[in-house]
């Protein structure tokens, strides 16, 4: 049996581990959390951090693996590329994956190659940022260069907020660097979804609409995405073209991407993120529900050097969303209650590992999600209406 090394065994990586087993590979998982649920589905587990590139390299060499998968994990994606490049295994270039994984490097790459990009600069300290902040037009976004799920991201309208926001960003940055970039007012929904290239050609994408809560202080902390895409087809065509040019410039090979983009009031497209990995929050699973394409299969096949040439575009069908289940107050988790009709007619999956008595925090961003729903709808009107009033259908009970 060929051996595949899966970087991570978290709740949202279980699906990929199970899929690798189903495909007939000998599956080895690793991270620094032995109690993560994915490890029990692998054939072997090793206590090695997925961000320790050299330790993972030594593990992969010793075990003589045939491929490495970093599924739905920003921090693990550069590790996988580094290890595979060193061992001559299938991968996109490590340097390119690193650019895609660091917001400051990515913004600079976009600017150097003529893409639309907000004015942005990376910093290591508050003092460094304070000396340069007058060069920016407020409001600006302050972000860790290497975080995901909106963690440590803040919108700054007053320089007096800078110290607080820098401290927050640095607390989530592994590299202890942060980015300041000018805020771009978007038109319509933020674009979010997964894509896939085969031998450097963008052959598949499934874009959705990112939506937000109006009950949290961060108006950019997403609660989920919904499908089908609700913007003009010309936007999809132009975004496809921009993504293909970016993929070609980076020399990417066969791999999955998580895409985040916005359109401004003048219809300019800005690629905010092109993560060299599948999306979290069950995006690949919803992609399969709406298009019939199991991208996770292709993620594993690509990592193992198998032919992926049969992957082609499939248009989405039906109306779907994911939704981050969350508490509206801080306390001890008691239960999640679903309205009867919603549970019967709309709820498809509820993926969670939250337990009664666990401490939960009032929702701020993705770190406070208690689990994720996959929801189906009769039509777009019902979808948008139910998303707007999701608290009427999903209620998290919290005690003291």
Protein backbone atom coordinates (compact mmCIF):
# COMPACT_ATOMS: atom_id res chain seq x y z
CA UNK A 1 0.00 0.00 0.00
CA UNK A 2 1.20 3.50 -0.79
CA UNK A 3 1.62 5.68 2.30
CA UNK A 4 0.09 9.13 2.69
CA UNK A 5 1.00 11.48 5.53
CA UNK A 6 -1.96 13.62 6.63
CA UNK A 7 -0.94 16.81 8.43
CA UNK A 8 -3.47 17.23 11.22
CA UNK A 9 -6.35 15.25 12.66
CA UNK A 10 -8.84 17.93 13.73
CA UNK A 11 -12.61 17.60 13.47
CA UNK A 12 -12.68 19.18 10.00
CA UNK A 13 -9.84 16.96 8.76
CA UNK A 14 -11.63 13.71 9.61
CA UNK A 15 -13.34 13.69 6.22
CA UNK A 16 -10.02 13.74 4.34
CA UNK A 17 -8.48 11.05 6.52
CA UNK A 18 -11.49 8.79 5.95
CA UNK A 19 -11.36 9.50 2.22
CA UNK A 20 -7.67 8.54 2.03
CA UNK A 21 -8.47 5.25 3.77
CA UNK A 22 -11.40 4.68 1.40
CA UNK A 23 -9.09 5.22 -1.58
CA UNK A 24 -6.91 2.39 -0.35
CA UNK A 25 -3.89 4.21 1.04
CA UNK A 26 -2.01 3.48 4.23
CA UNK A 27 -2.81 6.62 6.21
CA UNK A 28 -0.46 8.19 8.75
CA UNK A 29 -1.57 11.30 10.65
CA UNK A 30 0.47 13.71 12.72
CA UNK A 31 0.08 16.82 14.84
CA UNK A 32 0.75 17.81 18.44
CA UNK A 33 -2.74 16.89 19.72
CA UNK A 34 -3.04 13.11 20.20
CA UNK A 35 -6.70 13.39 21.18
CA UNK A 36 -7.76 14.97 17.90
CA UNK A 37 -10.60 12.86 16.46
CA UNK A 38 -9.04 12.21 13.05
CA UNK A 39 -6.20 10.11 14.41
CA UNK A 40 -8.46 7.20 15.32
CA UNK A 41 -9.32 6.76 11.62
CA UNK A 42 -5.66 6.67 10.50
CA UNK A 43 -3.53 3.54 10.52
CA UNK A 44 -0.81 5.31 12.53
CA UNK A 45 -0.40 8.58 14.45
CA UNK A 46 2.75 10.53 15.36
CA UNK A 47 3.02 13.40 17.81
CA UNK A 48 4.76 15.89 15.50
CA UNK A 49 3.64 19.49 15.01
CA UNK A 50 2.43 20.21 11.49
CA UNK A 51 4.23 23.59 11.54
CA UNK A 52 7.63 22.07 12.36
CA UNK A 53 8.87 21.61 8.79
CA UNK A 54 12.08 19.79 9.64
CA UNK A 55 10.45 17.44 12.12
CA UNK A 56 7.76 16.52 9.57
CA UNK A 57 10.50 16.07 6.94
CA UNK A 58 12.36 13.63 9.18
CA UNK A 59 9.14 11.75 9.90
CA UNK A 60 8.25 11.53 6.21
CA UNK A 61 11.77 10.31 5.32
CA UNK A 62 11.77 7.70 8.07
CA UNK A 63 8.34 6.38 7.12
CA UNK A 64 9.09 6.57 3.38
CA UNK A 65 5.74 8.15 2.54
CA UNK A 66 4.55 8.57 -1.04
CA UNK A 67 2.66 11.82 -0.52
CA UNK A 68 1.79 14.52 2.02
CA UNK A 69 -1.61 16.20 2.42
CA UNK A 70 -2.32 19.47 4.22
CA UNK A 71 -6.12 19.51 4.17
CA UNK A 72 -8.04 22.64 5.21
CA UNK A 73 -5.03 23.97 7.13
CA UNK A 74 -3.22 27.22 6.35
CA UNK A 75 -0.31 26.58 8.75
CA UNK A 76 0.33 23.08 7.37
CA UNK A 77 0.30 23.99 3.68
CA UNK A 78 3.88 25.37 3.55
CA UNK A 79 5.09 22.38 5.58
CA UNK A 80 3.62 19.94 3.07
CA UNK A 81 5.20 21.79 0.13
CA UNK A 82 8.57 22.02 1.90
CA UNK A 83 8.66 18.31 2.74
CA UNK A 84 7.50 17.21 -0.69
CA UNK A 85 10.00 19.45 -2.47
CA UNK A 86 12.84 18.06 -0.35
CA UNK A 87 11.77 14.47 -1.01
CA UNK A 88 10.84 14.84 -4.66
CA UNK A 89 7.16 14.11 -4.03
CA UNK A 90 4.27 15.74 -5.93
CA UNK A 91 3.82 19.38 -4.91
CA UNK A 92 3.58 22.98 -6.01
CA UNK A 93 6.71 25.06 -5.35
CA UNK A 94 7.39 25.67 -1.67
CA UNK A 95 8.28 29.30 -2.34
CA UNK A 96 4.92 29.87 -4.05
CA UNK A 97 2.92 28.15 -1.29
CA UNK A 98 4.74 30.31 1.26
CA UNK A 99 3.77 33.46 -0.67
CA UNK A 100 0.14 32.34 -0.64
CA UNK A 101 0.35 31.63 3.11
CA UNK A 102 1.72 35.03 4.20
CA UNK A 103 -0.52 38.02 3.67
CA UNK A 104 2.32 40.54 3.37
CA UNK A 105 4.20 38.44 0.81
CA UNK A 106 0.97 37.80 -1.11
CA UNK A 107 0.00 41.49 -1.26
CA UNK A 108 3.48 42.38 -2.51
CA UNK A 109 3.36 39.64 -5.15
CA UNK A 110 -0.02 40.90 -6.37
CA UNK A 111 1.26 44.48 -6.58
CA UNK A 112 4.47 43.45 -8.36
CA UNK A 113 2.44 41.60 -11.00
CA UNK A 114 -0.21 44.20 -11.74
CA UNK A 115 -3.22 42.77 -9.90
CA UNK A 116 -5.70 44.98 -8.09
CA UNK A 117 -4.48 45.20 -4.50
CA UNK A 118 -5.12 47.60 -1.61
CA UNK A 119 -2.18 49.63 -0.32
CA UNK A 120 -0.57 47.34 2.25
CA UNK A 121 2.59 46.89 4.32
CA UNK A 122 3.87 44.30 6.78
CA UNK A 123 5.30 45.17 10.21
CA UNK A 124 6.89 43.48 13.22
CA UNK A 125 6.11 46.00 15.97
CA UNK A 126 3.65 48.67 17.08
CA UNK A 127 6.39 51.30 16.96
CA UNK A 128 7.25 50.40 13.38
CA UNK A 129 3.59 50.59 12.36
CA UNK A 130 2.97 53.85 14.22
CA UNK A 131 5.78 55.55 12.30
CA UNK A 132 4.17 54.55 8.98
CA UNK A 133 0.44 54.65 9.65
CA UNK A 134 0.05 58.23 8.40
CA UNK A 135 0.83 56.93 4.89
CA UNK A 136 -2.48 55.07 4.90
CA UNK A 137 -5.97 56.40 4.33
CA UNK A 138 -8.30 55.36 7.16
CA UNK A 139 -10.05 53.05 7.73
CA UNK A 140 -7.49 50.27 7.48
CA UNK A 141 -7.46 46.58 8.30
CA UNK A 142 -4.93 45.27 10.82
CA UNK A 143 -4.26 41.53 10.32
CA UNK A 144 -1.80 38.83 11.36
CA UNK A 145 0.13 37.86 8.23
CA UNK A 146 -0.48 34.17 8.87
CA UNK A 147 -3.87 33.58 10.50
CA UNK A 148 -7.20 32.32 9.16
CA UNK A 149 -10.84 32.43 10.20
CA UNK A 150 -10.75 36.21 10.86
CA UNK A 151 -8.70 35.64 14.03
CA UNK A 152 -6.80 38.74 15.11
CA UNK A 153 -8.29 40.89 12.32
CA UNK A 154 -9.66 44.35 13.15
CA UNK A 155 -10.92 47.35 11.21
CA UNK A 156 -9.24 50.53 12.46
CA UNK A 157 -10.93 53.92 12.05
CA UNK A 158 -8.79 55.80 14.60
CA UNK A 159 -5.02 55.63 15.16
CA UNK A 160 -5.75 55.47 18.90
CA UNK A 161 -6.89 51.88 18.28
CA UNK A 162 -3.58 50.84 16.72
CA UNK A 163 -1.83 49.48 19.83
CA UNK A 164 -4.81 47.31 20.83
CA UNK A 165 -5.23 45.95 17.32
CA UNK A 166 -1.51 45.29 16.84
CA UNK A 167 -1.39 43.35 20.11
CA UNK A 168 -4.43 41.32 19.00
CA UNK A 169 -2.90 40.58 15.59
CA UNK A 170 0.47 39.57 17.05
CA UNK A 171 -1.22 37.23 19.52
CA UNK A 172 -2.43 35.12 16.56
CA UNK A 173 0.68 35.35 14.37
CA UNK A 174 3.17 32.49 14.40
CA UNK A 175 5.71 34.71 12.61
CA UNK A 176 4.95 37.66 14.91
CA UNK A 177 4.21 39.90 11.95
CA UNK A 178 1.11 41.82 10.98
CA UNK A 179 -0.27 43.63 7.96
CA UNK A 180 -1.88 47.04 7.62
CA UNK A 181 -3.92 47.49 4.46
CA UNK A 182 -6.40 50.08 3.31
CA UNK A 183 -10.05 49.05 3.54
CA UNK A 184 -11.85 48.36 0.26
CA UNK A 185 -15.61 48.91 0.33
CA UNK A 186 -17.12 45.89 -1.38
CA UNK A 187 -20.14 45.71 -3.63
CA UNK A 188 -22.45 42.80 -2.91
CA UNK A 189 -21.23 39.69 -1.15
CA UNK A 190 -17.64 38.75 -0.51
CA UNK A 191 -16.74 35.87 -2.82
CA UNK A 192 -15.72 32.64 -1.10
CA UNK A 193 -15.26 29.07 -2.26
CA UNK A 194 -12.89 26.37 -3.42
CA UNK A 195 -11.07 25.81 -6.69
CA UNK A 196 -8.68 23.27 -8.19
CA UNK A 197 -5.89 23.34 -10.74
CA UNK A 198 -4.58 20.32 -12.64
CA UNK A 199 -1.01 20.65 -13.93
CA UNK A 200 -1.28 24.40 -13.49
CA UNK A 201 -4.61 24.83 -15.30
CA UNK A 202 -7.60 26.07 -13.30
CA UNK A 203 -10.20 23.45 -14.17
CA UNK A 204 -12.77 23.76 -11.40
CA UNK A 205 -14.21 26.34 -9.04
CA UNK A 206 -17.37 26.68 -7.00
CA UNK A 207 -17.83 30.20 -5.66
CA UNK A 208 -20.32 31.14 -2.96
CA UNK A 209 -21.44 34.24 -1.10
CA UNK A 210 -19.95 34.94 2.32
CA UNK A 211 -22.42 36.29 4.86
CA UNK A 212 -22.00 37.90 8.27
CA UNK A 213 -23.70 38.49 11.59
CA UNK A 214 -25.03 41.93 12.44
CA UNK A 215 -24.80 41.10 16.15
CA UNK A 216 -21.03 41.10 16.54
CA UNK A 217 -18.59 43.99 16.70
CA UNK A 218 -16.59 42.69 13.74
CA UNK A 219 -18.71 43.21 10.63
CA UNK A 220 -16.26 41.05 8.65
CA UNK A 221 -16.37 37.92 10.85
CA UNK A 222 -18.23 35.45 8.60
CA UNK A 223 -20.93 33.10 9.81
CA UNK A 224 -20.80 31.06 6.63
CA UNK A 225 -21.20 30.93 2.88
CA UNK A 226 -24.19 30.22 0.68
CA UNK A 227 -24.62 28.86 -2.84
CA UNK A 228 -25.39 29.45 -5.71
CA UNK A 229 -23.22 32.47 -6.47
CA UNK A 230 -25.38 35.60 -6.65
CA UNK A 231 -23.20 37.92 -8.71
CA UNK A 232 -23.07 38.43 -12.47
CA UNK A 233 -21.48 35.74 -14.65
CA UNK A 234 -19.00 38.30 -15.96
CA UNK A 235 -17.52 38.54 -12.45
CA UNK A 236 -16.93 34.78 -12.43
CA UNK A 237 -15.27 34.95 -15.83
CA UNK A 238 -12.95 37.79 -14.84
CA UNK A 239 -12.11 36.18 -11.50
CA UNK A 240 -11.30 32.91 -13.27
CA UNK A 241 -8.94 34.79 -15.59
CA UNK A 242 -7.20 36.56 -12.68
CA UNK A 243 -6.84 33.31 -10.74
CA UNK A 244 -5.41 31.49 -13.74
CA UNK A 245 -2.83 34.24 -14.30
CA UNK A 246 -1.87 34.12 -10.64
CA UNK A 247 -1.61 30.31 -10.63
CA UNK A 248 0.57 30.42 -13.75
CA UNK A 249 2.88 33.11 -12.36
CA UNK A 250 3.37 31.07 -9.18
CA UNK A 251 4.02 27.85 -11.07
CA UNK A 252 1.35 25.98 -9.15
CA UNK A 253 0.68 22.38 -10.13
CA UNK A 254 -2.26 20.10 -9.19
CA UNK A 255 -3.78 21.41 -5.99
CA UNK A 256 -6.86 22.75 -4.24
CA UNK A 257 -7.36 26.41 -3.33
CA UNK A 258 -9.56 28.35 -0.97
CA UNK A 259 -10.51 31.61 -2.66
CA UNK A 260 -11.57 34.89 -1.03
CA UNK A 261 -12.25 37.91 -3.24
CA UNK A 262 -14.28 41.11 -3.36
CA UNK A 263 -15.64 43.43 -6.02
CA UNK A 264 -15.46 47.17 -5.33
CA UNK A 265 -17.99 49.84 -6.31
CA UNK A 266 -16.23 50.28 -9.67
CA UNK A 267 -16.41 46.52 -10.43
CA UNK A 268 -12.71 45.97 -9.82
CA UNK A 269 -11.92 42.48 -8.52
CA UNK A 270 -9.53 42.07 -5.59
CA UNK A 271 -8.20 38.63 -4.71
CA UNK A 272 -7.88 38.72 -0.93
CA UNK A 273 -6.72 35.15 -0.39
CA UNK A 274 -5.70 32.17 -2.50
CA UNK A 275 -4.97 29.60 0.16
CA UNK A 276 -3.08 26.58 -1.18
CA UNK A 277 -5.47 24.20 0.56
CA UNK A 278 -9.17 23.29 0.73
CA UNK A 279 -11.53 25.55 2.62
CA UNK A 280 -12.65 24.88 6.14
CA UNK A 281 -16.19 25.03 7.53
CA UNK A 282 -17.26 22.09 5.34
CA UNK A 283 -16.87 24.02 2.08
CA UNK A 284 -15.61 20.93 0.17
CA UNK A 285 -18.55 18.91 1.45
CA UNK A 286 -21.07 21.52 0.30
CA UNK A 287 -19.24 21.74 -3.02
CA UNK A 288 -19.92 18.03 -3.42
CA UNK A 289 -23.59 18.43 -2.51
CA UNK A 290 -24.12 21.22 -5.04
CA UNK A 291 -21.89 20.05 -7.93
CA UNK A 292 -21.43 16.31 -7.34
CA UNK A 293 -17.64 16.80 -7.40
CA UNK A 294 -15.70 15.35 -4.47
CA UNK A 295 -12.69 17.69 -4.36
CA UNK A 296 -11.22 15.84 -1.39
CA UNK A 297 -10.66 12.81 -3.61
CA UNK A 298 -8.66 14.99 -5.99
CA UNK A 299 -6.68 16.59 -3.15
CA UNK A 300 -5.46 13.14 -2.12
CA UNK A 301 -4.94 11.87 -5.67
CA UNK A 302 -2.89 14.96 -6.55
CA UNK A 303 -0.72 14.54 -3.45
CA UNK A 304 -0.09 10.93 -4.43
CA UNK A 305 0.85 11.82 -8.01
CA UNK A 306 -2.25 10.25 -9.54
CA UNK A 307 -3.95 11.45 -12.71
CA UNK A 308 -6.55 14.17 -12.03
CA UNK A 309 -7.33 14.97 -15.68
CA UNK A 310 -10.94 13.79 -15.35
CA UNK A 311 -11.82 16.78 -13.13
CA UNK A 312 -13.95 19.32 -15.01
CA UNK A 313 -16.31 22.17 -14.22
CA UNK A 314 -19.74 21.21 -12.93
CA UNK A 315 -22.33 23.90 -12.39
CA UNK A 316 -23.94 24.01 -8.93
CA UNK A 317 -27.50 22.86 -8.39
CA UNK A 318 -29.86 23.74 -5.56
CA UNK A 319 -29.48 26.20 -2.70
CA UNK A 320 -27.10 25.43 0.17
CA UNK A 321 -25.23 27.08 2.98
CA UNK A 322 -22.91 26.32 5.82
CA UNK A 323 -23.38 28.06 9.16
CA UNK A 324 -21.09 28.47 12.14
CA UNK A 325 -23.08 27.48 15.20
CA UNK A 326 -22.20 29.92 17.98
CA UNK A 327 -23.27 31.26 21.33
CA UNK A 328 -24.68 34.75 21.85
CA UNK A 329 -23.32 34.83 25.40
CA UNK A 330 -20.32 33.52 27.30
CA UNK A 331 -20.73 30.63 29.71
CA UNK A 332 -21.01 26.83 29.92
CA UNK A 333 -22.41 24.98 26.92
CA UNK A 334 -25.71 23.20 27.60
CA UNK A 335 -27.26 22.24 24.24
CA UNK A 336 -28.01 23.24 20.65
CA UNK A 337 -31.72 23.26 19.84
CA UNK A 338 -33.16 23.28 16.32
CA UNK A 339 -36.64 24.47 15.36
CA UNK A 340 -38.67 21.41 14.36
CA UNK A 341 -39.44 22.32 10.75
CA UNK A 342 -35.84 23.43 10.15
CA UNK A 343 -34.51 20.18 11.56
CA UNK A 344 -36.87 18.13 9.41
CA UNK A 345 -36.70 20.03 6.12
CA UNK A 346 -33.43 21.98 5.99
CA UNK A 347 -30.75 20.58 8.26
CA UNK A 348 -28.44 18.14 6.44
CA UNK A 349 -25.41 17.84 8.76
CA UNK A 350 -24.24 19.18 12.11
CA UNK A 351 -20.53 18.60 12.62
CA UNK A 352 -19.34 19.36 16.14
CA UNK A 353 -17.29 18.04 19.02
CA UNK A 354 -18.65 20.44 21.65
CA UNK A 355 -19.66 18.78 24.92
CA UNK A 356 -22.03 19.76 27.68
CA UNK A 357 -20.17 21.82 30.26
CA UNK A 358 -17.51 23.11 27.86
CA UNK A 359 -16.70 26.80 28.21
CA UNK A 360 -17.96 28.84 25.25
CA UNK A 361 -17.44 32.48 24.33
CA UNK A 362 -19.87 34.94 22.82
CA UNK A 363 -19.19 34.93 19.07
CA UNK A 364 -16.33 37.15 17.90
CA UNK A 365 -14.90 35.19 14.95
CA UNK A 366 -14.29 31.63 13.74
CA UNK A 367 -12.42 30.63 16.91
CA UNK A 368 -15.75 30.80 18.78
CA UNK A 369 -17.65 28.48 16.42
CA UNK A 370 -19.08 25.46 18.24
CA UNK A 371 -19.62 23.46 15.08
CA UNK A 372 -20.83 23.84 11.50
CA UNK A 373 -24.15 23.10 9.83
CA UNK A 374 -24.85 22.16 6.23
CA UNK A 375 -28.28 23.49 5.31
CA UNK A 376 -30.38 23.05 2.16
CA UNK A 377 -33.17 25.36 0.97
CA UNK A 378 -36.04 25.24 -1.50
CA UNK A 379 -34.94 28.34 -3.40
CA UNK A 380 -32.77 31.47 -3.18
CA UNK A 381 -35.49 33.56 -1.55
CA UNK A 382 -35.96 31.05 1.27
CA UNK A 383 -32.18 30.73 1.66
CA UNK A 384 -31.54 34.44 2.08
CA UNK A 385 -34.52 34.87 4.37
CA UNK A 386 -33.57 31.97 6.65
CA UNK A 387 -29.92 33.01 6.78
CA UNK A 388 -30.99 36.49 7.86
CA UNK A 389 -33.02 35.07 10.75
CA UNK A 390 -31.01 31.93 11.54
CA UNK A 391 -31.30 32.59 15.28
CA UNK A 392 -34.98 31.66 14.91
CA UNK A 393 -33.99 28.16 13.77
CA UNK A 394 -30.78 27.43 15.70
CA UNK A 395 -30.40 28.26 19.38
CA UNK A 396 -27.39 27.56 21.57
CA UNK A 397 -28.28 27.24 25.25
CA UNK A 398 -25.62 28.48 27.63
CA UNK A 399 -25.58 28.23 31.41
CA UNK A 400 -23.40 29.64 34.16
